[in-house]
Amino acid sequence: MTTQVAPNDGLNSELNSTELGAFIAQNKALFLGLILLIVAAIGGYGIFSYTKAQTNEKAATAFYQFEQGSLKKYQEGGLDAAAMSAELGLLLNDYASTSASFATSLLAVDYLTNKGENKIALDILTKMQPGTSLQSYFVNLRKAVVQEDLNEIDGAIASLTALKNNENNLTMGRVELDLGRMYFQKGDMAKAKAHFDKVLTLTTQNVYKSLAKSYLAKIK
């Protein structure tokens, strides 16, 4: 009489020959599930990477066309700020998190501030989504200037504080001076003095130290 061997008996026998193998043999469903999960994760990452690449490609095309079209017309005076910014706003709704959006958005902000359109420039800066600390630095640098021009002192202080805490802060003396000026405008002389005193301890441009000393003389 021939004994029928189940297809998995040989595998189970081999697995059971070691302690780890025995554990795997007893929990094959669990390990199969883990393997399938890993495969699914790898496949999902591949789909995500492909989708992200496709989105970035579409964004690059869209922002290039915007630069060559509406942004150029605005710069040359053939389109008003509201129309240009409205089109850019629609692009940012779809592609704000893409790398392609950053340079074009900053360029639009600079064109707007050069023409005194600070309110619209701030709206664009607020919609931007910096992906790195360096990008955050450039956004907050512009936000602080625009907010001061709009007399949004608390907003300027928030942007300057973000600059101060940014690992890419390249202008610590200027940031401390501007924070001192903002608190001076608010009438908070204690905080203003602390920032002006800080300027004097930094290795920074002499003009910043001179301005800090000038403000300190007014406080005293």
N, C-alpha and C. Protein backbone atom coordinates (compact mmCIF):
# COMPACT_ATOMS: atom_id res chain seq x y z
N MET A 1 0.85 -1.19 0.00
CA MET A 1 0.00 0.00 0.00
C MET A 1 0.88 1.23 0.00
N THR A 2 0.64 2.11 -0.89
CA THR A 2 1.46 3.31 -1.03
C THR A 2 0.93 4.41 -0.14
N THR A 3 1.83 5.00 0.66
CA THR A 3 1.43 6.10 1.55
C THR A 3 1.47 7.41 0.79
N GLN A 4 0.36 8.17 0.83
CA GLN A 4 0.31 9.46 0.16
C GLN A 4 0.94 10.52 1.07
N VAL A 5 1.88 11.27 0.51
CA VAL A 5 2.55 12.34 1.26
C VAL A 5 1.95 13.66 0.86
N ALA A 6 1.46 14.41 1.82
CA ALA A 6 0.89 15.74 1.53
C ALA A 6 1.97 16.62 0.94
N PRO A 7 1.61 17.49 0.00
CA PRO A 7 2.59 18.35 -0.67
C PRO A 7 3.44 19.15 0.30
N ASN A 8 2.89 19.55 1.46
CA ASN A 8 3.63 20.41 2.37
C ASN A 8 4.40 19.64 3.43
N ASP A 9 4.21 18.27 3.47
CA ASP A 9 4.85 17.51 4.53
C ASP A 9 6.37 17.61 4.46
N GLY A 10 6.92 17.55 3.24
CA GLY A 10 8.37 17.64 3.08
C GLY A 10 8.89 18.97 3.56
N LEU A 11 8.19 20.03 3.20
CA LEU A 11 8.59 21.38 3.61
C LEU A 11 8.52 21.52 5.12
N ASN A 12 7.40 21.03 5.70
CA ASN A 12 7.24 21.13 7.15
C ASN A 12 8.33 20.36 7.88
N SER A 13 8.69 19.19 7.33
CA SER A 13 9.72 18.37 7.96
C SER A 13 11.05 19.10 7.97
N GLU A 14 11.38 19.72 6.83
CA GLU A 14 12.64 20.48 6.75
C GLU A 14 12.62 21.66 7.71
N LEU A 15 11.51 22.38 7.76
CA LEU A 15 11.41 23.55 8.63
C LEU A 15 11.52 23.16 10.09
N ASN A 16 10.89 22.03 10.45
CA ASN A 16 10.87 21.61 11.84
C ASN A 16 12.22 21.10 12.34
N SER A 17 13.19 20.97 11.44
CA SER A 17 14.51 20.47 11.84
C SER A 17 15.30 21.50 12.63
N THR A 18 14.88 22.76 12.64
CA THR A 18 15.54 23.79 13.44
C THR A 18 14.50 24.50 14.28
N GLU A 19 14.96 25.18 15.35
CA GLU A 19 14.04 25.89 16.24
C GLU A 19 13.31 27.00 15.50
N LEU A 20 14.09 27.80 14.74
CA LEU A 20 13.48 28.88 13.98
C LEU A 20 12.56 28.32 12.91
N GLY A 21 13.00 27.25 12.26
CA GLY A 21 12.19 26.63 11.23
C GLY A 21 10.88 26.12 11.78
N ALA A 22 10.93 25.57 13.00
CA ALA A 22 9.70 25.07 13.62
C ALA A 22 8.73 26.21 13.88
N PHE A 23 9.27 27.35 14.32
CA PHE A 23 8.40 28.50 14.57
C PHE A 23 7.75 28.97 13.27
N ILE A 24 8.55 29.01 12.19
CA ILE A 24 8.01 29.43 10.90
C ILE A 24 6.95 28.45 10.42
N ALA A 25 7.23 27.14 10.60
CA ALA A 25 6.28 26.12 10.16
C ALA A 25 4.95 26.25 10.86
N GLN A 26 5.00 26.62 12.14
CA GLN A 26 3.76 26.74 12.91
C GLN A 26 3.03 28.05 12.65
N ASN A 27 3.73 29.00 12.03
CA ASN A 27 3.13 30.32 11.80
C ASN A 27 3.26 30.74 10.34
N LYS A 28 3.05 29.76 9.45
CA LYS A 28 3.23 30.04 8.02
C LYS A 28 2.29 31.13 7.52
N ALA A 29 1.08 31.15 8.04
CA ALA A 29 0.11 32.15 7.59
C ALA A 29 0.61 33.56 7.92
N LEU A 30 1.19 33.69 9.13
CA LEU A 30 1.71 34.99 9.55
C LEU A 30 2.85 35.42 8.64
N PHE A 31 3.81 34.51 8.40
CA PHE A 31 4.96 34.86 7.58
C PHE A 31 4.56 35.12 6.13
N LEU A 32 3.59 34.38 5.63
CA LEU A 32 3.10 34.62 4.27
C LEU A 32 2.49 36.01 4.19
N GLY A 33 1.74 36.38 5.25
CA GLY A 33 1.13 37.71 5.28
C GLY A 33 2.18 38.80 5.28
N LEU A 34 3.26 38.59 6.06
CA LEU A 34 4.34 39.58 6.12
C LEU A 34 5.02 39.73 4.77
N ILE A 35 5.25 38.60 4.12
CA ILE A 35 5.89 38.64 2.80
C ILE A 35 5.02 39.40 1.81
N LEU A 36 3.73 39.11 1.83
CA LEU A 36 2.81 39.81 0.92
C LEU A 36 2.77 41.30 1.23
N LEU A 37 2.85 41.64 2.53
CA LEU A 37 2.84 43.05 2.93
C LEU A 37 4.08 43.76 2.41
N ILE A 38 5.24 43.11 2.52
CA ILE A 38 6.48 43.70 2.03
C ILE A 38 6.42 43.90 0.52
N VAL A 39 5.94 42.88 -0.18
CA VAL A 39 5.81 42.99 -1.64
C VAL A 39 4.87 44.13 -2.01
N ALA A 40 3.76 44.23 -1.28
CA ALA A 40 2.79 45.30 -1.55
C ALA A 40 3.39 46.67 -1.28
N ALA A 41 4.20 46.76 -0.20
CA ALA A 41 4.83 48.04 0.14
C ALA A 41 5.81 48.46 -0.94
N ILE A 42 6.61 47.50 -1.42
CA ILE A 42 7.56 47.81 -2.49
C ILE A 42 6.83 48.25 -3.74
N GLY A 43 5.77 47.52 -4.07
CA GLY A 43 4.97 47.90 -5.24
C GLY A 43 4.32 49.25 -5.07
N GLY A 44 3.82 49.51 -3.84
CA GLY A 44 3.18 50.79 -3.56
C GLY A 44 4.16 51.94 -3.67
N TYR A 45 5.39 51.73 -3.18
CA TYR A 45 6.41 52.78 -3.28
C TYR A 45 6.75 53.06 -4.74
N GLY A 46 6.81 52.00 -5.54
CA GLY A 46 7.08 52.19 -6.96
C GLY A 46 6.00 53.00 -7.64
N ILE A 47 4.74 52.71 -7.31
CA ILE A 47 3.62 53.46 -7.88
C ILE A 47 3.67 54.91 -7.41
N PHE A 48 3.98 55.10 -6.10
CA PHE A 48 4.08 56.46 -5.55
C PHE A 48 5.18 57.26 -6.26
N SER A 49 6.35 56.63 -6.45
CA SER A 49 7.47 57.31 -7.10
C SER A 49 7.11 57.68 -8.53
N TYR A 50 6.45 56.76 -9.22
CA TYR A 50 6.06 57.03 -10.61
C TYR A 50 5.05 58.18 -10.66
N THR A 51 4.05 58.13 -9.76
CA THR A 51 3.03 59.17 -9.73
C THR A 51 3.64 60.53 -9.40
N LYS A 52 4.57 60.54 -8.44
CA LYS A 52 5.23 61.79 -8.06
C LYS A 52 6.03 62.35 -9.22
N ALA A 53 6.73 61.49 -9.94
CA ALA A 53 7.50 61.93 -11.10
C ALA A 53 6.59 62.51 -12.18
N GLN A 54 5.46 61.86 -12.40
CA GLN A 54 4.50 62.36 -13.38
C GLN A 54 3.95 63.72 -12.97
N THR A 55 3.65 63.88 -11.68
CA THR A 55 3.12 65.15 -11.17
C THR A 55 4.16 66.25 -11.32
N ASN A 56 5.41 65.96 -10.97
CA ASN A 56 6.48 66.95 -11.10
C ASN A 56 6.68 67.37 -12.55
N GLU A 57 6.54 66.41 -13.46
CA GLU A 57 6.70 66.72 -14.88
C GLU A 57 5.58 67.64 -15.36
N LYS A 58 4.35 67.34 -14.94
CA LYS A 58 3.22 68.20 -15.31
C LYS A 58 3.38 69.59 -14.70
N ALA A 59 3.84 69.63 -13.45
CA ALA A 59 4.03 70.92 -12.77
C ALA A 59 5.10 71.75 -13.46
N ALA A 60 6.20 71.12 -13.85
CA ALA A 60 7.28 71.84 -14.52
C ALA A 60 6.78 72.47 -15.81
N THR A 61 5.99 71.73 -16.56
CA THR A 61 5.43 72.25 -17.81
C THR A 61 4.47 73.41 -17.53
N ALA A 62 3.61 73.24 -16.54
CA ALA A 62 2.61 74.26 -16.22
C ALA A 62 3.27 75.56 -15.76
N PHE A 63 4.27 75.47 -14.90
CA PHE A 63 4.92 76.68 -14.39
C PHE A 63 5.79 77.34 -15.45
N TYR A 64 6.37 76.56 -16.33
CA TYR A 64 7.14 77.14 -17.43
C TYR A 64 6.22 77.94 -18.35
N GLN A 65 5.08 77.36 -18.67
CA GLN A 65 4.11 78.07 -19.51
C GLN A 65 3.60 79.34 -18.83
N PHE A 66 3.42 79.27 -17.51
CA PHE A 66 2.99 80.45 -16.76
C PHE A 66 4.06 81.55 -16.80
N GLU A 67 5.32 81.15 -16.62
CA GLU A 67 6.41 82.14 -16.67
C GLU A 67 6.49 82.82 -18.03
N GLN A 68 6.36 82.02 -19.08
CA GLN A 68 6.47 82.57 -20.43
C GLN A 68 5.22 83.33 -20.85
N GLY A 69 4.12 83.09 -20.17
CA GLY A 69 2.85 83.73 -20.53
C GLY A 69 2.47 84.84 -19.58
N SER A 70 1.65 84.53 -18.61
CA SER A 70 1.07 85.54 -17.71
C SER A 70 2.11 86.30 -16.89
N LEU A 71 3.11 85.61 -16.37
CA LEU A 71 4.11 86.29 -15.54
C LEU A 71 4.91 87.29 -16.37
N LYS A 72 5.27 86.91 -17.58
CA LYS A 72 6.00 87.81 -18.46
C LYS A 72 5.13 89.01 -18.84
N LYS A 73 3.86 88.76 -19.11
CA LYS A 73 2.94 89.86 -19.44
C LYS A 73 2.81 90.83 -18.27
N TYR A 74 2.74 90.28 -17.06
CA TYR A 74 2.64 91.15 -15.88
C TYR A 74 3.89 92.00 -15.73
N GLN A 75 5.05 91.39 -15.90
CA GLN A 75 6.31 92.11 -15.77
C GLN A 75 6.39 93.25 -16.78
N GLU A 76 5.85 93.01 -17.97
CA GLU A 76 5.92 94.01 -19.04
C GLU A 76 4.76 94.99 -19.01
N GLY A 77 3.83 94.80 -18.07
CA GLY A 77 2.72 95.73 -17.93
C GLY A 77 1.49 95.37 -18.74
N GLY A 78 1.47 94.19 -19.34
CA GLY A 78 0.34 93.79 -20.16
C GLY A 78 -0.73 93.02 -19.42
N LEU A 79 -0.54 92.80 -18.12
CA LEU A 79 -1.50 92.05 -17.31
C LEU A 79 -1.45 92.59 -15.89
N ASP A 80 -2.60 92.73 -15.24
CA ASP A 80 -2.58 93.29 -13.89
C ASP A 80 -2.24 92.22 -12.85
N ALA A 81 -1.93 92.69 -11.64
CA ALA A 81 -1.47 91.80 -10.58
C ALA A 81 -2.54 90.79 -10.18
N ALA A 82 -3.79 91.22 -10.14
CA ALA A 82 -4.88 90.33 -9.71
C ALA A 82 -5.03 89.15 -10.65
N ALA A 83 -4.98 89.41 -11.96
CA ALA A 83 -5.14 88.35 -12.95
C ALA A 83 -3.96 87.38 -12.91
N MET A 84 -2.76 87.94 -12.82
CA MET A 84 -1.57 87.10 -12.78
C MET A 84 -1.56 86.22 -11.54
N SER A 85 -1.85 86.82 -10.39
CA SER A 85 -1.81 86.06 -9.13
C SER A 85 -2.93 85.03 -9.06
N ALA A 86 -4.07 85.33 -9.68
CA ALA A 86 -5.17 84.37 -9.69
C ALA A 86 -4.77 83.10 -10.44
N GLU A 87 -4.08 83.28 -11.56
CA GLU A 87 -3.63 82.12 -12.34
C GLU A 87 -2.58 81.34 -11.56
N LEU A 88 -1.67 82.06 -10.92
CA LEU A 88 -0.65 81.38 -10.12
C LEU A 88 -1.29 80.64 -8.95
N GLY A 89 -2.31 81.25 -8.35
CA GLY A 89 -3.01 80.61 -7.24
C GLY A 89 -3.62 79.28 -7.63
N LEU A 90 -4.18 79.22 -8.83
CA LEU A 90 -4.76 77.96 -9.31
C LEU A 90 -3.69 76.89 -9.48
N LEU A 91 -2.52 77.31 -9.98
CA LEU A 91 -1.42 76.36 -10.13
C LEU A 91 -0.95 75.85 -8.76
N LEU A 92 -0.88 76.76 -7.79
CA LEU A 92 -0.44 76.36 -6.46
C LEU A 92 -1.44 75.45 -5.78
N ASN A 93 -2.71 75.60 -6.11
CA ASN A 93 -3.72 74.69 -5.55
C ASN A 93 -3.42 73.25 -5.94
N ASP A 94 -2.89 73.06 -7.14
CA ASP A 94 -2.61 71.71 -7.65
C ASP A 94 -1.18 71.26 -7.40
N TYR A 95 -0.23 72.21 -7.42
CA TYR A 95 1.18 71.83 -7.45
C TYR A 95 2.05 72.53 -6.41
N ALA A 96 1.46 73.05 -5.33
CA ALA A 96 2.24 73.83 -4.36
C ALA A 96 3.38 73.03 -3.75
N SER A 97 3.21 71.71 -3.63
CA SER A 97 4.23 70.89 -2.97
C SER A 97 5.32 70.40 -3.92
N THR A 98 5.24 70.76 -5.19
CA THR A 98 6.24 70.29 -6.15
C THR A 98 7.43 71.23 -6.19
N SER A 99 8.58 70.70 -6.60
CA SER A 99 9.79 71.51 -6.69
C SER A 99 9.67 72.58 -7.76
N ALA A 100 8.87 72.32 -8.78
CA ALA A 100 8.75 73.26 -9.89
C ALA A 100 8.08 74.56 -9.47
N SER A 101 7.26 74.51 -8.43
CA SER A 101 6.49 75.70 -8.04
C SER A 101 7.34 76.74 -7.34
N PHE A 102 8.42 76.33 -6.71
CA PHE A 102 9.13 77.23 -5.79
C PHE A 102 9.77 78.43 -6.49
N ALA A 103 10.63 78.17 -7.46
CA ALA A 103 11.35 79.26 -8.11
C ALA A 103 10.40 80.22 -8.81
N THR A 104 9.39 79.69 -9.49
CA THR A 104 8.43 80.54 -10.20
C THR A 104 7.64 81.40 -9.23
N SER A 105 7.23 80.83 -8.11
CA SER A 105 6.46 81.59 -7.12
C SER A 105 7.29 82.71 -6.51
N LEU A 106 8.55 82.43 -6.19
CA LEU A 106 9.42 83.48 -5.65
C LEU A 106 9.65 84.58 -6.67
N LEU A 107 9.78 84.20 -7.93
CA LEU A 107 9.96 85.19 -8.99
C LEU A 107 8.74 86.10 -9.08
N ALA A 108 7.56 85.50 -9.01
CA ALA A 108 6.32 86.28 -9.04
C ALA A 108 6.24 87.23 -7.84
N VAL A 109 6.63 86.74 -6.67
CA VAL A 109 6.63 87.57 -5.46
C VAL A 109 7.55 88.77 -5.63
N ASP A 110 8.74 88.54 -6.17
CA ASP A 110 9.69 89.63 -6.37
C ASP A 110 9.16 90.66 -7.36
N TYR A 111 8.53 90.20 -8.43
CA TYR A 111 7.92 91.14 -9.39
C TYR A 111 6.83 91.96 -8.71
N LEU A 112 6.02 91.32 -7.89
CA LEU A 112 4.92 92.00 -7.21
C LEU A 112 5.43 93.04 -6.22
N THR A 113 6.42 92.67 -5.41
CA THR A 113 6.94 93.62 -4.42
C THR A 113 7.65 94.79 -5.09
N ASN A 114 8.29 94.54 -6.22
CA ASN A 114 8.94 95.63 -6.96
C ASN A 114 7.93 96.66 -7.44
N LYS A 115 6.68 96.22 -7.63
CA LYS A 115 5.62 97.13 -8.09
C LYS A 115 4.71 97.55 -6.94
N GLY A 116 5.11 97.23 -5.71
CA GLY A 116 4.34 97.66 -4.55
C GLY A 116 3.10 96.85 -4.25
N GLU A 117 2.96 95.69 -4.87
CA GLU A 117 1.79 94.84 -4.65
C GLU A 117 2.06 93.87 -3.49
N ASN A 118 2.28 94.44 -2.31
CA ASN A 118 2.71 93.62 -1.17
C ASN A 118 1.62 92.69 -0.65
N LYS A 119 0.38 93.13 -0.69
CA LYS A 119 -0.72 92.30 -0.19
C LYS A 119 -0.84 91.02 -1.02
N ILE A 120 -0.79 91.17 -2.33
CA ILE A 120 -0.89 90.00 -3.21
C ILE A 120 0.34 89.12 -3.05
N ALA A 121 1.51 89.76 -2.89
CA ALA A 121 2.75 89.00 -2.70
C ALA A 121 2.66 88.15 -1.44
N LEU A 122 2.11 88.71 -0.37
CA LEU A 122 1.97 87.95 0.88
C LEU A 122 1.00 86.79 0.72
N ASP A 123 -0.05 86.99 -0.05
CA ASP A 123 -1.01 85.90 -0.30
C ASP A 123 -0.31 84.71 -0.97
N ILE A 124 0.56 85.02 -1.93
CA ILE A 124 1.29 83.95 -2.63
C ILE A 124 2.27 83.26 -1.68
N LEU A 125 3.01 84.05 -0.90
CA LEU A 125 3.96 83.48 0.05
C LEU A 125 3.26 82.55 1.04
N THR A 126 2.05 82.91 1.43
CA THR A 126 1.29 82.11 2.38
C THR A 126 0.85 80.78 1.76
N LYS A 127 0.60 80.78 0.46
CA LYS A 127 0.16 79.56 -0.22
C LYS A 127 1.32 78.61 -0.53
N MET A 128 2.54 79.13 -0.53
CA MET A 128 3.69 78.30 -0.87
C MET A 128 3.94 77.26 0.22
N GLN A 129 4.46 76.10 -0.20
CA GLN A 129 4.74 75.00 0.72
C GLN A 129 6.22 74.61 0.60
N PRO A 130 7.10 75.29 1.33
CA PRO A 130 8.53 74.98 1.24
C PRO A 130 8.80 73.53 1.63
N GLY A 131 9.65 72.88 0.84
CA GLY A 131 9.94 71.48 1.10
C GLY A 131 11.22 71.25 1.87
N THR A 132 12.05 72.29 2.00
CA THR A 132 13.32 72.17 2.72
C THR A 132 13.51 73.38 3.62
N SER A 133 14.46 73.29 4.54
CA SER A 133 14.73 74.42 5.43
C SER A 133 15.29 75.61 4.66
N LEU A 134 16.03 75.33 3.58
CA LEU A 134 16.56 76.42 2.77
C LEU A 134 15.43 77.16 2.05
N GLN A 135 14.46 76.42 1.53
CA GLN A 135 13.31 77.05 0.90
C GLN A 135 12.51 77.86 1.93
N SER A 136 12.36 77.32 3.13
CA SER A 136 11.67 78.06 4.19
C SER A 136 12.38 79.36 4.51
N TYR A 137 13.70 79.32 4.47
CA TYR A 137 14.50 80.52 4.73
C TYR A 137 14.16 81.62 3.72
N PHE A 138 14.14 81.28 2.44
CA PHE A 138 13.87 82.29 1.41
C PHE A 138 12.43 82.79 1.48
N VAL A 139 11.50 81.92 1.83
CA VAL A 139 10.09 82.35 1.95
C VAL A 139 9.93 83.30 3.13
N ASN A 140 10.45 82.92 4.29
CA ASN A 140 10.29 83.76 5.48
C ASN A 140 11.06 85.07 5.38
N LEU A 141 12.17 85.05 4.66
CA LEU A 141 12.93 86.28 4.43
C LEU A 141 12.07 87.31 3.72
N ARG A 142 11.35 86.86 2.70
CA ARG A 142 10.47 87.76 1.94
C ARG A 142 9.21 88.11 2.75
N LYS A 143 8.68 87.13 3.46
CA LYS A 143 7.47 87.39 4.26
C LYS A 143 7.72 88.48 5.29
N ALA A 144 8.86 88.43 5.95
CA ALA A 144 9.16 89.41 6.99
C ALA A 144 9.18 90.83 6.42
N VAL A 145 9.78 90.99 5.25
CA VAL A 145 9.86 92.31 4.61
C VAL A 145 8.48 92.80 4.22
N VAL A 146 7.70 91.92 3.57
CA VAL A 146 6.36 92.29 3.12
C VAL A 146 5.46 92.61 4.30
N GLN A 147 5.53 91.79 5.34
CA GLN A 147 4.68 92.01 6.52
C GLN A 147 5.01 93.33 7.21
N GLU A 148 6.29 93.68 7.26
CA GLU A 148 6.65 94.97 7.85
C GLU A 148 6.08 96.11 7.01
N ASP A 149 6.21 96.00 5.69
CA ASP A 149 5.68 97.04 4.80
C ASP A 149 4.17 97.18 4.95
N LEU A 150 3.48 96.08 5.26
CA LEU A 150 2.03 96.11 5.46
C LEU A 150 1.66 96.43 6.90
N ASN A 151 2.67 96.71 7.71
CA ASN A 151 2.48 97.03 9.13
C ASN A 151 1.86 95.86 9.91
N GLU A 152 2.13 94.65 9.45
CA GLU A 152 1.71 93.45 10.18
C GLU A 152 2.87 93.02 11.07
N ILE A 153 3.05 93.74 12.16
CA ILE A 153 4.24 93.59 12.99
C ILE A 153 4.33 92.21 13.63
N ASP A 154 3.22 91.71 14.15
CA ASP A 154 3.25 90.37 14.77
C ASP A 154 3.61 89.29 13.74
N GLY A 155 3.08 89.44 12.54
CA GLY A 155 3.42 88.50 11.47
C GLY A 155 4.89 88.57 11.12
N ALA A 156 5.43 89.79 11.06
CA ALA A 156 6.85 89.96 10.76
C ALA A 156 7.71 89.34 11.84
N ILE A 157 7.31 89.50 13.10
CA ILE A 157 8.06 88.90 14.21
C ILE A 157 8.05 87.38 14.09
N ALA A 158 6.90 86.81 13.72
CA ALA A 158 6.81 85.35 13.55
C ALA A 158 7.73 84.87 12.43
N SER A 159 7.75 85.60 11.32
CA SER A 159 8.61 85.22 10.19
C SER A 159 10.08 85.37 10.54
N LEU A 160 10.43 86.45 11.24
CA LEU A 160 11.81 86.67 11.65
C LEU A 160 12.26 85.62 12.67
N THR A 161 11.37 85.22 13.56
CA THR A 161 11.70 84.18 14.53
C THR A 161 11.95 82.85 13.83
N ALA A 162 11.15 82.56 12.80
CA ALA A 162 11.37 81.35 12.01
C ALA A 162 12.73 81.42 11.31
N LEU A 163 13.09 82.61 10.84
CA LEU A 163 14.40 82.79 10.21
C LEU A 163 15.52 82.55 11.22
N LYS A 164 15.35 83.10 12.40
CA LYS A 164 16.37 82.97 13.45
C LYS A 164 16.61 81.50 13.79
N ASN A 165 15.55 80.70 13.79
CA ASN A 165 15.65 79.29 14.16
C ASN A 165 16.00 78.38 12.99
N ASN A 166 16.10 78.96 11.80
CA ASN A 166 16.39 78.15 10.61
C ASN A 166 17.87 77.78 10.58
N GLU A 167 18.15 76.53 10.29
CA GLU A 167 19.54 76.06 10.27
C GLU A 167 20.36 76.71 9.17
N ASN A 168 19.68 77.29 8.17
CA ASN A 168 20.37 77.95 7.06
C ASN A 168 20.43 79.47 7.22
N ASN A 169 20.22 79.95 8.44
CA ASN A 169 20.23 81.39 8.67
C ASN A 169 21.60 81.97 8.32
N LEU A 170 21.64 82.76 7.26
CA LEU A 170 22.89 83.33 6.77
C LEU A 170 23.07 84.78 7.20
N THR A 171 22.06 85.36 7.83
CA THR A 171 22.09 86.79 8.16
C THR A 171 21.62 87.01 9.60
N MET A 172 22.27 86.35 10.55
CA MET A 172 21.82 86.41 11.94
C MET A 172 21.82 87.85 12.47
N GLY A 173 22.85 88.63 12.12
CA GLY A 173 22.91 90.00 12.59
C GLY A 173 21.73 90.82 12.10
N ARG A 174 21.39 90.66 10.83
CA ARG A 174 20.25 91.39 10.26
C ARG A 174 18.94 90.93 10.91
N VAL A 175 18.79 89.64 11.12
CA VAL A 175 17.56 89.12 11.72
C VAL A 175 17.39 89.64 13.15
N GLU A 176 18.46 89.61 13.94
CA GLU A 176 18.38 90.13 15.31
C GLU A 176 18.05 91.62 15.31
N LEU A 177 18.65 92.37 14.39
CA LEU A 177 18.37 93.80 14.29
C LEU A 177 16.91 94.04 13.95
N ASP A 178 16.40 93.29 12.97
CA ASP A 178 15.00 93.47 12.56
C ASP A 178 14.03 93.06 13.66
N LEU A 179 14.35 92.01 14.39
CA LEU A 179 13.51 91.63 15.53
C LEU A 179 13.48 92.76 16.57
N GLY A 180 14.64 93.35 16.81
CA GLY A 180 14.69 94.48 17.73
C GLY A 180 13.85 95.64 17.25
N ARG A 181 13.90 95.92 15.95
CA ARG A 181 13.11 97.02 15.39
C ARG A 181 11.62 96.75 15.51
N MET A 182 11.21 95.49 15.28
CA MET A 182 9.79 95.17 15.37
C MET A 182 9.27 95.32 16.80
N TYR A 183 10.05 94.83 17.76
CA TYR A 183 9.63 94.99 19.16
C TYR A 183 9.67 96.46 19.58
N PHE A 184 10.61 97.21 19.02
CA PHE A 184 10.68 98.65 19.29
C PHE A 184 9.40 99.33 18.80
N GLN A 185 8.94 98.94 17.60
CA GLN A 185 7.70 99.51 17.07
C GLN A 185 6.50 99.13 17.93
N LYS A 186 6.53 97.93 18.51
CA LYS A 186 5.43 97.49 19.38
C LYS A 186 5.47 98.17 20.75
N GLY A 187 6.60 98.77 21.07
CA GLY A 187 6.74 99.39 22.38
C GLY A 187 7.26 98.46 23.45
N ASP A 188 7.69 97.25 23.05
CA ASP A 188 8.24 96.29 24.00
C ASP A 188 9.75 96.52 24.07
N MET A 189 10.16 97.48 24.87
CA MET A 189 11.55 97.92 24.90
C MET A 189 12.49 96.87 25.50
N ALA A 190 11.98 96.06 26.41
CA ALA A 190 12.82 95.03 27.02
C ALA A 190 13.28 94.01 25.97
N LYS A 191 12.32 93.53 25.16
CA LYS A 191 12.68 92.57 24.11
C LYS A 191 13.49 93.25 23.01
N ALA A 192 13.15 94.49 22.69
CA ALA A 192 13.90 95.22 21.67
C ALA A 192 15.36 95.34 22.10
N LYS A 193 15.58 95.73 23.34
CA LYS A 193 16.94 95.89 23.85
C LYS A 193 17.71 94.57 23.81
N ALA A 194 17.04 93.48 24.17
CA ALA A 194 17.70 92.17 24.17
C ALA A 194 18.21 91.82 22.78
N HIS A 195 17.40 92.10 21.76
CA HIS A 195 17.82 91.79 20.39
C HIS A 195 18.92 92.73 19.91
N PHE A 196 18.83 94.01 20.25
CA PHE A 196 19.88 94.95 19.85
C PHE A 196 21.21 94.61 20.54
N ASP A 197 21.14 94.24 21.82
CA ASP A 197 22.35 93.82 22.53
C ASP A 197 22.97 92.59 21.87
N LYS A 198 22.10 91.67 21.40
CA LYS A 198 22.58 90.45 20.75
C LYS A 198 23.35 90.78 19.48
N VAL A 199 22.88 91.78 18.73
CA VAL A 199 23.57 92.18 17.50
C VAL A 199 25.03 92.53 17.79
N LEU A 200 25.26 93.22 18.90
CA LEU A 200 26.60 93.69 19.24
C LEU A 200 27.55 92.55 19.59
N THR A 201 27.01 91.37 19.91
CA THR A 201 27.85 90.23 20.27
C THR A 201 28.17 89.34 19.07
N LEU A 202 27.52 89.60 17.94
CA LEU A 202 27.68 88.74 16.77
C LEU A 202 28.77 89.24 15.84
N THR A 203 29.32 88.31 15.07
CA THR A 203 30.22 88.69 13.99
C THR A 203 29.34 89.01 12.79
N THR A 204 29.12 90.29 12.56
CA THR A 204 28.19 90.71 11.52
C THR A 204 28.65 92.05 10.95
N GLN A 205 27.92 92.56 9.98
CA GLN A 205 28.32 93.80 9.33
C GLN A 205 28.26 94.97 10.32
N ASN A 206 29.21 95.89 10.17
CA ASN A 206 29.29 97.04 11.07
C ASN A 206 28.04 97.91 11.01
N VAL A 207 27.40 97.95 9.84
CA VAL A 207 26.21 98.79 9.71
C VAL A 207 25.10 98.30 10.63
N TYR A 208 24.98 96.98 10.81
CA TYR A 208 23.97 96.44 11.70
C TYR A 208 24.28 96.81 13.16
N LYS A 209 25.56 96.76 13.51
CA LYS A 209 25.95 97.12 14.87
C LYS A 209 25.72 98.61 15.12
N SER A 210 26.00 99.43 14.11
CA SER A 210 25.79 100.87 14.26
C SER A 210 24.31 101.18 14.46
N LEU A 211 23.45 100.51 13.69
CA LEU A 211 22.01 100.73 13.83
C LEU A 211 21.52 100.24 15.19
N ALA A 212 22.06 99.11 15.64
CA ALA A 212 21.67 98.58 16.95
C ALA A 212 22.04 99.57 18.05
N LYS A 213 23.23 100.14 17.97
CA LYS A 213 23.67 101.13 18.96
C LYS A 213 22.77 102.36 18.93
N SER A 214 22.35 102.76 17.72
CA SER A 214 21.47 103.92 17.58
C SER A 214 20.14 103.69 18.28
N TYR A 215 19.57 102.49 18.09
CA TYR A 215 18.30 102.17 18.76
C TYR A 215 18.48 102.06 20.27
N LEU A 216 19.60 101.47 20.70
CA LEU A 216 19.85 101.34 22.14
C LEU A 216 19.95 102.71 22.81
N ALA A 217 20.52 103.67 22.09
CA ALA A 217 20.62 105.03 22.63
C ALA A 217 19.23 105.64 22.82
N LYS A 218 18.30 105.30 21.93
CA LYS A 218 16.92 105.81 22.05
C LYS A 218 16.19 105.17 23.23
N ILE A 219 16.50 103.90 23.48
CA ILE A 219 15.85 103.19 24.59
C ILE A 219 16.33 103.72 25.93
N LYS A 220 17.61 103.98 26.03
CA LYS A 220 18.18 104.47 27.29
C LYS A 220 17.77 105.92 27.53
